[in-house]
Amino acid sequence: MYTIHFLHISNLIVVHVLQRSYQDPESHIYEQVVCGPWELNKYNLVLTNEKLGTGQFGMVKKGYFKKDREHRLPVAVKSLRDNASEKDKNDFMNELNILKKVGQHPNVVCLVGACHIQGTMYLAMEFVKNGDLRSYLRKQRKAKHNLYANTKIISPVQQTMLLKFALDVSSGLNHLADKQIIHRDLAARNVLLDENLTAKVADFGLSKHEDTYVKTSNTRVPVRWMAPESLFNALYTTQSDVWSFGILLWEIATLGGTPYHGLDTQQMCNLLKQGFRMRRPENCDPSLYAMMLQCWNEKPECRPCFSELMMRLQRMLDDSQVYMNIEINEGNHYAEIK
């Protein structure tokens, strides 16, 4: 059994590692990790001042990777801060190895490359244009809702679009499971939407060498999305990701509602120990809610696998039945958000 520490990978990342004009005492570490097809030419990576966010290790900025003279690929570039600890450096390198292992998939935010420039390590990921799924869902709530009166809606949401988001995410997670990668922080906030509103899983965690991991760090954890075995015993498996996927389905059905709203962490934990589950959203078909409940089965081995969830969601998308009735929310009877 292996020990893991939480990594909060910012939504987009780009890494570059290359030649130096001076002797860097740590250069051999980066060269061993980044050499090969993922190594980018540092002269082809252009950084901008546009800040995309702040990750555990440092700043994330927008940039461009020059594929050739006429084509520039937008990327998100993550750098390791100057005062990074040895643990941060090791975690940063481990993150790069995970991203290399993930490879390419249409429903996963993928690595573009990595490089090392004048003592600074850079990671580069594909840039995903339309932000995170939770923000998108909340913007779809009626404009008269006082929290969103002045927000700009990208595109009116439809039931088929909501089901497609769920299918996209299940496909991405099935790919991670095939690669033996446990996400550990699956939530609508960690799913990104590209220019075609294709959902892509981001911010996934450590690669697994066994079926189970144990967390021993005191890092803040996403308790409202965590399976009981993760919450109470610090055990993480692909099956615990399935539990989190059930919470994400609930987020999609409620257009970005906050899970267990109105309960503090202790109350929520006590209720989960008693077998409590969130009730069915009023606009959600019983068959879709049944899928959520199956994801929330107390026994991890009894939860559906992602390949099964993919097939079931595809069937729902293909038939004419209404599984998430958007019209029911005409009166703004949405699940609360925090």
C-alpha atoms as a PDB file:
ATOM      1  CA  MET A   1       0.000   0.000   0.000  1.00  0.00           C
ATOM      2  CA  TYR A   2       1.341   3.398  -0.887  1.00  0.00           C
ATOM      3  CA  THR A   3       1.122   6.749   0.863  1.00  0.00           C
ATOM      4  CA  ILE A   4      -0.179   9.718  -1.104  1.00  0.00           C
ATOM      5  CA  HIS A   5      -0.288  13.441  -0.638  1.00  0.00           C
ATOM      6  CA  PHE A   6      -2.885  15.726  -2.160  1.00  0.00           C
ATOM      7  CA  LEU A   7      -1.841  17.610  -5.260  1.00  0.00           C
ATOM      8  CA  HIS A   8      -4.044  20.406  -6.510  1.00  0.00           C
ATOM      9  CA  ILE A   9      -3.107  20.655 -10.179  1.00  0.00           C
ATOM     10  CA  SER A  10      -4.327  23.895 -11.695  1.00  0.00           C
ATOM     11  CA  ASN A  11      -6.816  23.454 -14.545  1.00  0.00           C
ATOM     12  CA  LEU A  12      -4.220  23.853 -17.308  1.00  0.00           C
ATOM     13  CA  ILE A  13      -0.512  23.165 -17.310  1.00  0.00           C
ATOM     14  CA  VAL A  14       2.442  23.400 -19.636  1.00  0.00           C
ATOM     15  CA  VAL A  15       5.931  22.148 -19.083  1.00  0.00           C
ATOM     16  CA  HIS A  16       9.177  22.999 -20.830  1.00  0.00           C
ATOM     17  CA  VAL A  17      12.663  21.615 -20.125  1.00  0.00           C
ATOM     18  CA  LEU A  18      15.739  22.438 -22.210  1.00  0.00           C
ATOM     19  CA  GLN A  19      19.247  23.761 -22.726  1.00  0.00           C
ATOM     20  CA  ARG A  20      20.843  26.102 -20.205  1.00  0.00           C
ATOM     21  CA  SER A  21      23.549  28.719 -20.659  1.00  0.00           C
ATOM     22  CA  TYR A  22      24.857  27.993 -17.152  1.00  0.00           C
ATOM     23  CA  GLN A  23      25.435  24.990 -14.902  1.00  0.00           C
ATOM     24  CA  ASP A  24      22.275  24.277 -12.933  1.00  0.00           C
ATOM     25  CA  PRO A  25      22.936  21.913  -9.993  1.00  0.00           C
ATOM     26  CA  GLU A  26      19.458  20.387 -10.367  1.00  0.00           C
ATOM     27  CA  SER A  27      19.387  20.176 -14.156  1.00  0.00           C
ATOM     28  CA  HIS A  28      20.017  16.415 -14.189  1.00  0.00           C
ATOM     29  CA  ILE A  29      16.768  15.868 -12.277  1.00  0.00           C
ATOM     30  CA  TYR A  30      14.699  17.734 -14.847  1.00  0.00           C
ATOM     31  CA  GLU A  31      16.505  16.171 -17.800  1.00  0.00           C
ATOM     32  CA  GLN A  32      15.787  12.665 -16.544  1.00  0.00           C
ATOM     33  CA  VAL A  33      12.103  13.432 -16.160  1.00  0.00           C
ATOM     34  CA  VAL A  34      11.403  15.560 -19.235  1.00  0.00           C
ATOM     35  CA  CYS A  35      13.586  14.084 -21.936  1.00  0.00           C
ATOM     36  CA  GLY A  36      11.805  12.434 -24.814  1.00  0.00           C
ATOM     37  CA  PRO A  37       8.724  13.375 -26.829  1.00  0.00           C
ATOM     38  CA  TRP A  38       7.337  15.655 -24.094  1.00  0.00           C
ATOM     39  CA  GLU A  39      10.367  17.967 -24.109  1.00  0.00           C
ATOM     40  CA  LEU A  40       9.574  21.314 -25.704  1.00  0.00           C
ATOM     41  CA  ASN A  41      11.960  23.725 -27.359  1.00  0.00           C
ATOM     42  CA  LYS A  42      12.094  26.636 -24.928  1.00  0.00           C
ATOM     43  CA  TYR A  43      12.255  29.136 -27.799  1.00  0.00           C
ATOM     44  CA  ASN A  44       8.850  27.958 -29.016  1.00  0.00           C
ATOM     45  CA  LEU A  45       7.092  28.691 -25.722  1.00  0.00           C
ATOM     46  CA  VAL A  46       5.758  32.243 -25.364  1.00  0.00           C
ATOM     47  CA  LEU A  47       4.427  33.384 -21.982  1.00  0.00           C
ATOM     48  CA  THR A  48       1.895  36.184 -21.535  1.00  0.00           C
ATOM     49  CA  ASN A  49       1.023  38.238 -18.459  1.00  0.00           C
ATOM     50  CA  GLU A  50      -2.521  36.838 -18.387  1.00  0.00           C
ATOM     51  CA  LYS A  51      -2.945  35.063 -15.059  1.00  0.00           C
ATOM     52  CA  LEU A  52      -5.148  31.965 -15.142  1.00  0.00           C
ATOM     53  CA  GLY A  53      -4.783  31.095 -11.482  1.00  0.00           C
ATOM     54  CA  THR A  54      -2.434  30.082  -8.703  1.00  0.00           C
ATOM     55  CA  GLY A  55      -1.573  26.456  -8.146  1.00  0.00           C
ATOM     56  CA  GLN A  56       0.044  24.641  -5.248  1.00  0.00           C
ATOM     57  CA  PHE A  57       3.493  25.169  -6.725  1.00  0.00           C
ATOM     58  CA  GLY A  58       3.215  28.623  -8.294  1.00  0.00           C
ATOM     59  CA  MET A  59       1.527  30.790 -10.891  1.00  0.00           C
ATOM     60  CA  VAL A  60      -0.440  29.532 -13.886  1.00  0.00           C
ATOM     61  CA  LYS A  61      -0.412  31.852 -16.910  1.00  0.00           C
ATOM     62  CA  LYS A  62      -1.676  31.736 -20.437  1.00  0.00           C
ATOM     63  CA  GLY A  63       0.910  31.165 -23.120  1.00  0.00           C
ATOM     64  CA  TYR A  64       1.412  29.978 -26.683  1.00  0.00           C
ATOM     65  CA  PHE A  65       3.365  27.098 -28.119  1.00  0.00           C
ATOM     66  CA  LYS A  66       4.673  27.878 -31.591  1.00  0.00           C
ATOM     67  CA  LYS A  67       4.124  24.685 -33.572  1.00  0.00           C
ATOM     68  CA  ASP A  68       5.545  26.327 -36.693  1.00  0.00           C
ATOM     69  CA  ARG A  69       5.819  29.802 -38.222  1.00  0.00           C
ATOM     70  CA  GLU A  70       2.098  30.079 -38.899  1.00  0.00           C
ATOM     71  CA  HIS A  71       0.460  28.155 -36.072  1.00  0.00           C
ATOM     72  CA  ARG A  72       0.393  28.977 -32.368  1.00  0.00           C
ATOM     73  CA  LEU A  73      -1.298  26.676 -29.865  1.00  0.00           C
ATOM     74  CA  PRO A  74      -2.764  28.404 -26.779  1.00  0.00           C
ATOM     75  CA  VAL A  75      -1.566  26.716 -23.609  1.00  0.00           C
ATOM     76  CA  ALA A  76      -1.739  27.116 -19.838  1.00  0.00           C
ATOM     77  CA  VAL A  77       1.741  27.365 -18.360  1.00  0.00           C
ATOM     78  CA  LYS A  78       2.563  26.403 -14.807  1.00  0.00           C
ATOM     79  CA  SER A  79       5.875  27.272 -13.162  1.00  0.00           C
ATOM     80  CA  LEU A  80       7.566  26.103  -9.994  1.00  0.00           C
ATOM     81  CA  ARG A  81       8.080  29.006  -7.596  1.00  0.00           C
ATOM     82  CA  ASP A  82      11.630  30.061  -6.732  1.00  0.00           C
ATOM     83  CA  ASN A  83      11.326  29.154  -3.042  1.00  0.00           C
ATOM     84  CA  ALA A  84       9.812  25.726  -3.679  1.00  0.00           C
ATOM     85  CA  SER A  85      10.544  23.092  -1.054  1.00  0.00           C
ATOM     86  CA  GLU A  86      12.096  19.741  -1.871  1.00  0.00           C
ATOM     87  CA  LYS A  87       8.687  18.157  -1.427  1.00  0.00           C
ATOM     88  CA  ASP A  88       7.156  20.633  -3.894  1.00  0.00           C
ATOM     89  CA  LYS A  89       9.892  19.847  -6.412  1.00  0.00           C
ATOM     90  CA  ASN A  90       9.323  16.125  -6.056  1.00  0.00           C
ATOM     91  CA  ASP A  91       5.545  16.538  -6.290  1.00  0.00           C
ATOM     92  CA  PHE A  92       5.969  18.749  -9.353  1.00  0.00           C
ATOM     93  CA  MET A  93       8.053  16.071 -11.048  1.00  0.00           C
ATOM     94  CA  ASN A  94       5.584  13.393 -10.029  1.00  0.00           C
ATOM     95  CA  GLU A  95       2.780  15.475 -11.514  1.00  0.00           C
ATOM     96  CA  LEU A  96       4.664  15.643 -14.796  1.00  0.00           C
ATOM     97  CA  ASN A  97       5.097  11.870 -14.831  1.00  0.00           C
ATOM     98  CA  ILE A  98       1.368  11.399 -14.220  1.00  0.00           C
ATOM     99  CA  LEU A  99       0.507  13.766 -17.070  1.00  0.00           C
ATOM    100  CA  LYS A 100       2.852  11.894 -19.389  1.00  0.00           C
ATOM    101  CA  LYS A 101       1.163   8.648 -18.419  1.00  0.00           C
ATOM    102  CA  VAL A 102      -2.318  10.072 -19.095  1.00  0.00           C
ATOM    103  CA  GLY A 103      -1.449  10.752 -22.728  1.00  0.00           C
ATOM    104  CA  GLN A 104      -4.080  12.130 -25.100  1.00  0.00           C
ATOM    105  CA  HIS A 105      -7.845  11.792 -24.692  1.00  0.00           C
ATOM    106  CA  PRO A 106     -10.670  14.084 -25.904  1.00  0.00           C
ATOM    107  CA  ASN A 107     -12.214  14.241 -22.417  1.00  0.00           C
ATOM    108  CA  VAL A 108      -9.058  14.884 -20.400  1.00  0.00           C
ATOM    109  CA  VAL A 109      -7.027  18.094 -20.221  1.00  0.00           C
ATOM    110  CA  CYS A 110      -3.749  16.864 -21.684  1.00  0.00           C
ATOM    111  CA  LEU A 111      -0.088  17.706 -21.389  1.00  0.00           C
ATOM    112  CA  VAL A 112       1.536  19.622 -24.241  1.00  0.00           C
ATOM    113  CA  GLY A 113       5.107  19.453 -22.976  1.00  0.00           C
ATOM    114  CA  ALA A 114       7.700  20.624 -20.484  1.00  0.00           C
ATOM    115  CA  CYS A 115      10.933  22.582 -20.255  1.00  0.00           C
ATOM    116  CA  HIS A 116      13.514  24.097 -17.942  1.00  0.00           C
ATOM    117  CA  ILE A 117      14.516  27.718 -18.586  1.00  0.00           C
ATOM    118  CA  GLN A 118      17.218  29.514 -16.586  1.00  0.00           C
ATOM    119  CA  GLY A 119      16.560  27.614 -13.396  1.00  0.00           C
ATOM    120  CA  THR A 120      12.760  27.593 -13.640  1.00  0.00           C
ATOM    121  CA  MET A 121      10.678  24.544 -14.456  1.00  0.00           C
ATOM    122  CA  TYR A 122       7.604  24.976 -16.679  1.00  0.00           C
ATOM    123  CA  LEU A 123       4.686  22.642 -17.409  1.00  0.00           C
ATOM    124  CA  ALA A 124       2.348  23.266 -20.317  1.00  0.00           C
ATOM    125  CA  MET A 125      -1.205  21.952 -20.794  1.00  0.00           C
ATOM    126  CA  GLU A 126      -3.828  22.503 -23.457  1.00  0.00           C
ATOM    127  CA  PHE A 127      -5.762  25.721 -22.892  1.00  0.00           C
ATOM    128  CA  VAL A 128      -9.489  25.111 -22.399  1.00  0.00           C
ATOM    129  CA  LYS A 129     -11.467  28.169 -23.427  1.00  0.00           C
ATOM    130  CA  ASN A 130     -14.803  28.159 -21.607  1.00  0.00           C
ATOM    131  CA  GLY A 131     -13.730  27.665 -18.021  1.00  0.00           C
ATOM    132  CA  ASP A 132     -15.051  25.220 -15.470  1.00  0.00           C
ATOM    133  CA  LEU A 133     -18.315  23.300 -15.567  1.00  0.00           C
ATOM    134  CA  ARG A 134     -19.627  24.549 -12.223  1.00  0.00           C
ATOM    135  CA  SER A 135     -19.369  28.198 -13.267  1.00  0.00           C
ATOM    136  CA  TYR A 136     -21.040  27.389 -16.581  1.00  0.00           C
ATOM    137  CA  LEU A 137     -23.916  25.556 -14.883  1.00  0.00           C
ATOM    138  CA  ARG A 138     -24.517  28.372 -12.435  1.00  0.00           C
ATOM    139  CA  LYS A 139     -24.584  30.918 -15.234  1.00  0.00           C
ATOM    140  CA  GLN A 140     -27.431  28.960 -16.778  1.00  0.00           C
ATOM    141  CA  ARG A 141     -29.713  29.746 -13.872  1.00  0.00           C
ATOM    142  CA  LYS A 142     -32.331  32.342 -14.772  1.00  0.00           C
ATOM    143  CA  ALA A 143     -31.017  35.906 -15.037  1.00  0.00           C
ATOM    144  CA  LYS A 144     -33.583  37.083 -12.498  1.00  0.00           C
ATOM    145  CA  HIS A 145     -31.862  34.922  -9.875  1.00  0.00           C
ATOM    146  CA  ASN A 146     -30.155  37.641  -7.841  1.00  0.00           C
ATOM    147  CA  LEU A 147     -26.798  35.836  -7.736  1.00  0.00           C
ATOM    148  CA  TYR A 148     -26.525  35.782 -11.531  1.00  0.00           C
ATOM    149  CA  ALA A 149     -28.474  38.805 -12.718  1.00  0.00           C
ATOM    150  CA  ASN A 150     -25.536  40.278 -14.608  1.00  0.00           C
ATOM    151  CA  THR A 151     -23.740  37.187 -15.875  1.00  0.00           C
ATOM    152  CA  LYS A 152     -23.287  36.374 -19.531  1.00  0.00           C
ATOM    153  CA  ILE A 153     -24.590  32.982 -20.634  1.00  0.00           C
ATOM    154  CA  ILE A 154     -22.354  31.245 -23.165  1.00  0.00           C
ATOM    155  CA  SER A 155     -25.130  29.144 -24.641  1.00  0.00           C
ATOM    156  CA  PRO A 156     -28.602  28.139 -23.408  1.00  0.00           C
ATOM    157  CA  VAL A 157     -28.390  24.799 -21.644  1.00  0.00           C
ATOM    158  CA  GLN A 158     -30.535  21.862 -22.770  1.00  0.00           C
ATOM    159  CA  GLN A 159     -31.144  18.441 -21.263  1.00  0.00           C
ATOM    160  CA  THR A 160     -29.070  16.784 -23.985  1.00  0.00           C
ATOM    161  CA  MET A 161     -26.170  19.096 -23.177  1.00  0.00           C
ATOM    162  CA  LEU A 162     -26.320  18.179 -19.485  1.00  0.00           C
ATOM    163  CA  LEU A 163     -26.314  14.472 -20.297  1.00  0.00           C
ATOM    164  CA  LYS A 164     -23.434  15.028 -22.721  1.00  0.00           C
ATOM    165  CA  PHE A 165     -21.409  16.694 -19.949  1.00  0.00           C
ATOM    166  CA  ALA A 166     -21.951  13.621 -17.771  1.00  0.00           C
ATOM    167  CA  LEU A 167     -21.036  11.268 -20.635  1.00  0.00           C
ATOM    168  CA  ASP A 168     -17.883  13.251 -21.431  1.00  0.00           C
ATOM    169  CA  VAL A 169     -16.728  13.132 -17.817  1.00  0.00           C
ATOM    170  CA  SER A 170     -17.417   9.399 -17.493  1.00  0.00           C
ATOM    171  CA  SER A 171     -15.380   8.833 -20.659  1.00  0.00           C
ATOM    172  CA  GLY A 172     -12.453  10.848 -19.300  1.00  0.00           C
ATOM    173  CA  LEU A 173     -12.568   9.019 -15.977  1.00  0.00           C
ATOM    174  CA  ASN A 174     -12.743   5.658 -17.716  1.00  0.00           C
ATOM    175  CA  HIS A 175      -9.528   6.621 -19.509  1.00  0.00           C
ATOM    176  CA  LEU A 176      -7.863   7.556 -16.209  1.00  0.00           C
ATOM    177  CA  ALA A 177      -9.002   4.260 -14.676  1.00  0.00           C
ATOM    178  CA  ASP A 178      -7.518   2.358 -17.625  1.00  0.00           C
ATOM    179  CA  LYS A 179      -4.251   4.201 -16.973  1.00  0.00           C
ATOM    180  CA  GLN A 180      -4.476   3.305 -13.257  1.00  0.00           C
ATOM    181  CA  ILE A 181      -4.893   6.902 -12.172  1.00  0.00           C
ATOM    182  CA  ILE A 182      -7.137   7.926  -9.292  1.00  0.00           C
ATOM    183  CA  HIS A 183      -8.551  11.444  -9.557  1.00  0.00           C
ATOM    184  CA  ARG A 184      -9.371  12.045  -5.865  1.00  0.00           C
ATOM    185  CA  ASP A 185     -10.821  15.519  -6.432  1.00  0.00           C
ATOM    186  CA  LEU A 186     -13.576  15.023  -8.988  1.00  0.00           C
ATOM    187  CA  ALA A 187     -16.134  17.850  -8.937  1.00  0.00           C
ATOM    188  CA  ALA A 188     -17.775  20.189 -11.439  1.00  0.00           C
ATOM    189  CA  ARG A 189     -15.188  22.855 -10.586  1.00  0.00           C
ATOM    190  CA  ASN A 190     -12.462  20.496 -11.856  1.00  0.00           C
ATOM    191  CA  VAL A 191     -14.087  19.822 -15.221  1.00  0.00           C
ATOM    192  CA  LEU A 192     -13.329  22.278 -18.041  1.00  0.00           C
ATOM    193  CA  LEU A 193     -15.287  23.115 -21.191  1.00  0.00           C
ATOM    194  CA  ASP A 194     -13.613  23.756 -24.542  1.00  0.00           C
ATOM    195  CA  GLU A 195     -14.837  25.936 -27.406  1.00  0.00           C
ATOM    196  CA  ASN A 196     -17.319  23.223 -28.438  1.00  0.00           C
ATOM    197  CA  LEU A 197     -18.509  22.745 -24.834  1.00  0.00           C
ATOM    198  CA  THR A 198     -16.854  19.348 -24.691  1.00  0.00           C
ATOM    199  CA  ALA A 199     -16.182  18.500 -21.042  1.00  0.00           C
ATOM    200  CA  LYS A 200     -12.614  17.624 -20.066  1.00  0.00           C
ATOM    201  CA  VAL A 201     -11.469  16.228 -16.740  1.00  0.00           C
ATOM    202  CA  ALA A 202      -8.722  18.299 -15.101  1.00  0.00           C
ATOM    203  CA  ASP A 203      -6.808  18.355 -11.822  1.00  0.00           C
ATOM    204  CA  PHE A 204      -6.423  14.586 -11.477  1.00  0.00           C
ATOM    205  CA  GLY A 205      -4.199  13.119  -8.796  1.00  0.00           C
ATOM    206  CA  LEU A 206      -1.562  10.454  -8.351  1.00  0.00           C
ATOM    207  CA  SER A 207      -0.957   7.408 -10.505  1.00  0.00           C
ATOM    208  CA  LYS A 208      -1.685   4.211  -8.645  1.00  0.00           C
ATOM    209  CA  HIS A 209       0.493   1.138  -8.397  1.00  0.00           C
ATOM    210  CA  GLU A 210      -2.070  -0.784  -6.368  1.00  0.00           C
ATOM    211  CA  ASP A 211      -5.831  -0.603  -6.064  1.00  0.00           C
ATOM    212  CA  THR A 212      -5.737   1.434  -2.875  1.00  0.00           C
ATOM    213  CA  TYR A 213      -3.964   4.526  -1.573  1.00  0.00           C
ATOM    214  CA  VAL A 214      -3.805   6.022   1.891  1.00  0.00           C
ATOM    215  CA  LYS A 215      -3.634   9.760   2.496  1.00  0.00           C
ATOM    216  CA  THR A 216      -1.542  10.842   5.464  1.00  0.00           C
ATOM    217  CA  SER A 217      -1.130  14.593   4.900  1.00  0.00           C
ATOM    218  CA  ASN A 218      -3.151  17.287   6.642  1.00  0.00           C
ATOM    219  CA  THR A 219      -3.992  19.084   3.414  1.00  0.00           C
ATOM    220  CA  ARG A 220      -7.529  20.420   3.047  1.00  0.00           C
ATOM    221  CA  VAL A 221      -9.742  17.897   1.316  1.00  0.00           C
ATOM    222  CA  PRO A 222     -13.003  18.185  -0.710  1.00  0.00           C
ATOM    223  CA  VAL A 223     -15.173  16.489   1.916  1.00  0.00           C
ATOM    224  CA  ARG A 224     -18.545  17.021   0.182  1.00  0.00           C
ATOM    225  CA  TRP A 225     -17.404  14.990  -2.829  1.00  0.00           C
ATOM    226  CA  MET A 226     -15.576  12.235  -0.954  1.00  0.00           C
ATOM    227  CA  ALA A 227     -16.649   8.630  -0.525  1.00  0.00           C
ATOM    228  CA  PRO A 228     -17.091   7.396   3.069  1.00  0.00           C
ATOM    229  CA  GLU A 229     -14.008   5.165   2.864  1.00  0.00           C
ATOM    230  CA  SER A 230     -11.948   8.182   1.766  1.00  0.00           C
ATOM    231  CA  LEU A 231     -13.500  10.498   4.330  1.00  0.00           C
ATOM    232  CA  PHE A 232     -13.246   8.196   7.331  1.00  0.00           C
ATOM    233  CA  ASN A 233     -10.402   5.810   6.452  1.00  0.00           C
ATOM    234  CA  ALA A 234      -8.340   7.831   3.941  1.00  0.00           C
ATOM    235  CA  LEU A 235      -8.677   5.097   1.304  1.00  0.00           C
ATOM    236  CA  TYR A 236      -8.766   6.114  -2.362  1.00  0.00           C
ATOM    237  CA  THR A 237      -9.646   3.863  -5.285  1.00  0.00           C
ATOM    238  CA  THR A 238     -11.274   4.144  -8.682  1.00  0.00           C
ATOM    239  CA  GLN A 239     -14.469   3.178  -6.841  1.00  0.00           C
ATOM    240  CA  SER A 240     -14.143   6.242  -4.615  1.00  0.00           C
ATOM    241  CA  ASP A 241     -13.931   8.290  -7.825  1.00  0.00           C
ATOM    242  CA  VAL A 242     -17.244   6.684  -8.840  1.00  0.00           C
ATOM    243  CA  TRP A 243     -18.835   8.024  -5.638  1.00  0.00           C
ATOM    244  CA  SER A 244     -17.567  11.508  -6.526  1.00  0.00           C
ATOM    245  CA  PHE A 245     -18.989  11.089 -10.025  1.00  0.00           C
ATOM    246  CA  GLY A 246     -22.409  10.546  -8.432  1.00  0.00           C
ATOM    247  CA  ILE A 247     -22.002  13.879  -6.626  1.00  0.00           C
ATOM    248  CA  LEU A 248     -21.008  15.490  -9.937  1.00  0.00           C
ATOM    249  CA  LEU A 249     -24.182  14.088 -11.554  1.00  0.00           C
ATOM    250  CA  TRP A 250     -26.150  15.772  -8.771  1.00  0.00           C
ATOM    251  CA  GLU A 251     -24.278  19.045  -9.448  1.00  0.00           C
ATOM    252  CA  ILE A 252     -25.184  18.825 -13.134  1.00  0.00           C
ATOM    253  CA  ALA A 253     -28.856  18.080 -12.435  1.00  0.00           C
ATOM    254  CA  THR A 254     -29.095  21.015 -10.006  1.00  0.00           C
ATOM    255  CA  LEU A 255     -27.171  23.422 -12.282  1.00  0.00           C
ATOM    256  CA  GLY A 256     -24.297  23.792  -9.863  1.00  0.00           C
ATOM    257  CA  GLY A 257     -25.949  23.302  -6.485  1.00  0.00           C
ATOM    258  CA  THR A 258     -23.746  22.828  -3.415  1.00  0.00           C
ATOM    259  CA  PRO A 259     -23.841  19.222  -2.123  1.00  0.00           C
ATOM    260  CA  TYR A 260     -25.278  18.822   1.380  1.00  0.00           C
ATOM    261  CA  HIS A 261     -26.073  22.530   1.546  1.00  0.00           C
ATOM    262  CA  GLY A 262     -27.165  23.631   5.012  1.00  0.00           C
ATOM    263  CA  LEU A 263     -25.069  20.992   6.761  1.00  0.00           C
ATOM    264  CA  ASP A 264     -21.688  21.688   8.291  1.00  0.00           C
ATOM    265  CA  THR A 265     -18.921  19.136   7.861  1.00  0.00           C
ATOM    266  CA  GLN A 266     -19.552  17.345  11.158  1.00  0.00           C
ATOM    267  CA  GLN A 267     -23.287  17.085  10.530  1.00  0.00           C
ATOM    268  CA  MET A 268     -22.677  15.749   7.032  1.00  0.00           C
ATOM    269  CA  CYS A 269     -20.202  13.134   8.287  1.00  0.00           C
ATOM    270  CA  ASN A 270     -22.554  11.965  11.024  1.00  0.00           C
ATOM    271  CA  LEU A 271     -25.428  11.611   8.560  1.00  0.00           C
ATOM    272  CA  LEU A 272     -23.271   9.702   6.058  1.00  0.00           C
ATOM    273  CA  LYS A 273     -22.356   7.230   8.795  1.00  0.00           C
ATOM    274  CA  GLN A 274     -26.092   6.704   9.295  1.00  0.00           C
ATOM    275  CA  GLY A 275     -26.606   5.985   5.581  1.00  0.00           C
ATOM    276  CA  PHE A 276     -27.970   9.407   4.587  1.00  0.00           C
ATOM    277  CA  ARG A 277     -27.996  10.292   0.877  1.00  0.00           C
ATOM    278  CA  MET A 278     -29.027  13.524  -0.813  1.00  0.00           C
ATOM    279  CA  ARG A 279     -32.598  13.486  -2.038  1.00  0.00           C
ATOM    280  CA  ARG A 280     -33.578  13.400  -5.694  1.00  0.00           C
ATOM    281  CA  PRO A 281     -33.544  16.840  -7.387  1.00  0.00           C
ATOM    282  CA  GLU A 282     -37.132  17.634  -8.364  1.00  0.00           C
ATOM    283  CA  ASN A 283     -36.224  18.004 -12.041  1.00  0.00           C
ATOM    284  CA  CYS A 284     -34.342  14.680 -12.126  1.00  0.00           C
ATOM    285  CA  ASP A 285     -35.855  11.482 -13.527  1.00  0.00           C
ATOM    286  CA  PRO A 286     -35.927   8.571 -11.028  1.00  0.00           C
ATOM    287  CA  SER A 287     -33.745   6.428 -13.305  1.00  0.00           C
ATOM    288  CA  LEU A 288     -30.990   9.047 -13.324  1.00  0.00           C
ATOM    289  CA  TYR A 289     -31.288   9.430  -9.553  1.00  0.00           C
ATOM    290  CA  ALA A 290     -31.016   5.645  -9.271  1.00  0.00           C
ATOM    291  CA  MET A 291     -27.657   5.949 -11.055  1.00  0.00           C
ATOM    292  CA  MET A 292     -26.534   8.488  -8.437  1.00  0.00           C
ATOM    293  CA  LEU A 293     -27.597   6.159  -5.620  1.00  0.00           C
ATOM    294  CA  GLN A 294     -25.680   3.276  -7.205  1.00  0.00           C
ATOM    295  CA  CYS A 295     -22.577   5.485  -7.300  1.00  0.00           C
ATOM    296  CA  TRP A 296     -23.206   6.190  -3.605  1.00  0.00           C
ATOM    297  CA  ASN A 297     -23.407   2.545  -2.588  1.00  0.00           C
ATOM    298  CA  GLU A 298     -21.791   2.087   0.817  1.00  0.00           C
ATOM    299  CA  LYS A 299     -19.823  -0.886  -0.529  1.00  0.00           C
ATOM    300  CA  PRO A 300     -17.217   0.301  -3.073  1.00  0.00           C
ATOM    301  CA  GLU A 301     -17.245  -3.041  -4.907  1.00  0.00           C
ATOM    302  CA  CYS A 302     -20.985  -2.654  -5.566  1.00  0.00           C
ATOM    303  CA  ARG A 303     -20.641   0.673  -7.364  1.00  0.00           C
ATOM    304  CA  PRO A 304     -20.786   0.674 -11.189  1.00  0.00           C
ATOM    305  CA  CYS A 305     -17.565   1.034 -13.158  1.00  0.00           C
ATOM    306  CA  PHE A 306     -17.015   3.977 -15.486  1.00  0.00           C
ATOM    307  CA  SER A 307     -17.370   1.885 -18.636  1.00  0.00           C
ATOM    308  CA  GLU A 308     -20.844   0.820 -17.476  1.00  0.00           C
ATOM    309  CA  LEU A 309     -21.769   4.411 -16.608  1.00  0.00           C
ATOM    310  CA  MET A 310     -20.646   5.487 -20.081  1.00  0.00           C
ATOM    311  CA  MET A 311     -22.909   2.952 -21.781  1.00  0.00           C
ATOM    312  CA  ARG A 312     -25.915   3.849 -19.654  1.00  0.00           C
ATOM    313  CA  LEU A 313     -25.471   7.583 -20.202  1.00  0.00           C
ATOM    314  CA  GLN A 314     -25.082   7.034 -23.943  1.00  0.00           C
ATOM    315  CA  ARG A 315     -28.387   5.146 -24.000  1.00  0.00           C
ATOM    316  CA  MET A 316     -30.068   7.986 -22.115  1.00  0.00           C
ATOM    317  CA  LEU A 317     -28.642  10.484 -24.572  1.00  0.00           C
ATOM    318  CA  ASP A 318     -29.891   8.433 -27.522  1.00  0.00           C
ATOM    319  CA  ASP A 319     -33.503   8.018 -26.397  1.00  0.00           C
ATOM    320  CA  SER A 320     -36.237  10.664 -26.225  1.00  0.00           C
ATOM    321  CA  GLN A 321     -37.026  10.468 -22.514  1.00  0.00           C
ATOM    322  CA  VAL A 322     -36.522  13.570 -20.353  1.00  0.00           C
ATOM    323  CA  TYR A 323     -34.018  12.813 -17.602  1.00  0.00           C
ATOM    324  CA  MET A 324     -33.318  16.374 -16.417  1.00  0.00           C
ATOM    325  CA  ASN A 325     -36.310  18.640 -16.955  1.00  0.00           C
ATOM    326  CA  ILE A 326     -34.908  22.152 -17.189  1.00  0.00           C
ATOM    327  CA  GLU A 327     -38.408  23.652 -17.406  1.00  0.00           C
ATOM    328  CA  ILE A 328     -39.184  22.607 -13.838  1.00  0.00           C
ATOM    329  CA  ASN A 329     -36.738  25.266 -12.692  1.00  0.00           C
ATOM    330  CA  GLU A 330     -38.674  28.071 -14.379  1.00  0.00           C
ATOM    331  CA  GLY A 331     -39.590  29.366 -10.926  1.00  0.00           C
ATOM    332  CA  ASN A 332     -35.935  29.381  -9.889  1.00  0.00           C
ATOM    333  CA  HIS A 333     -36.414  26.538  -7.414  1.00  0.00           C
ATOM    334  CA  TYR A 334     -32.744  25.624  -7.593  1.00  0.00           C
ATOM    335  CA  ALA A 335     -30.657  23.734  -5.087  1.00  0.00           C
ATOM    336  CA  GLU A 336     -28.818  26.195  -2.876  1.00  0.00           C
ATOM    337  CA  ILE A 337     -25.247  27.212  -3.547  1.00  0.00           C
ATOM    338  CA  LYS A 338     -22.572  28.308  -1.161  1.00  0.00           C
END
